[in-house]
Amino acid sequence: MSTPLSRPTTVLLTGATSGIGAALLNRLLDQGHTVLALSRRAAHLPARAGLHPVTADLTDLAAIPALAADLLAAHPGLSVLINNAAVQHARPLTDPASRPEHLLEEVALNLAAPALLVQALLPHLMHQPGGAVVNLSSGLATFPKEAGGLYSATKAGLSSFTRSLRWQVERSGLLVTEVVLPLVDTPMTAGRGRGKIPANLAAALILQGVAARRNTIRIGAARALPILAALAPWLGRRILRGS
């Protein structure tokens, strides 16, 4: 069974221009991988060896199957998909600034787009040495936060989807892993919470976990969540409610 990312390969990384995605992009390129860096702002990425910017809007769900087919045609060595792109509108539904389009964007980008990319790429990835699907989730999948109910729900959905997908392909050798993140210092979390970990550290730990073929990669404080859920769920809810 081949180890993902153990040798130079081609990686499709979504949300590659900011936060954890940008940190993952730099590390993957430094390791000699070819990266298809997908983002709405991919055209603004500085040129680097191995970098292939892919400008796309993943909230255009109907366009994803054709996009994936085009990427495979141009890059048949693609072996790793990292679903990192996400958006969070951190306000309660009682806030007059909360808009229907915000909810639609969260569901599309955080949950539907990763599922569609997986569906389109899965037949190819299952036959790639060192193939992997890496879905970035959150501790909020276990304990939702008050001002981010739908974001939390999309991450819970992605977590459940990842587990089911793992069962579906478990005989193929394809690694399907969920990354459970704590609060990370990114533009998305600016002005929110305390005790954030640096995006570069999160990226390093994610890639270490993938190389070790871990089905679930819990980063930092997220490692305590299973214990809280089992022994003191009330405490977990209290801690993350206002995170």
Foldseek 3Di string as FASTA:
>chain_A
DFFAPPAAFEEEQEPLPWFLNVLLVVVNVVSPHQYAYEDCPQVPDDDDPNYHYDHDDQLVVVCQLVVLVVVCVVGVRYAEYELDDAAFDQAAPVPPPDDPVRLSRRLRNLASSLVSNCVNCVVSNLPHRNHEYEYEAELLLQAPAQRGVSNSVSSVNVVVVLVVVCVVSVVSPYQRAYEYEYAAPIPNQVPADDDHHYSNVSSVQVVVCSSVSPRYRYDDPSVCSVVCSVPPVVVVNVVRHRD
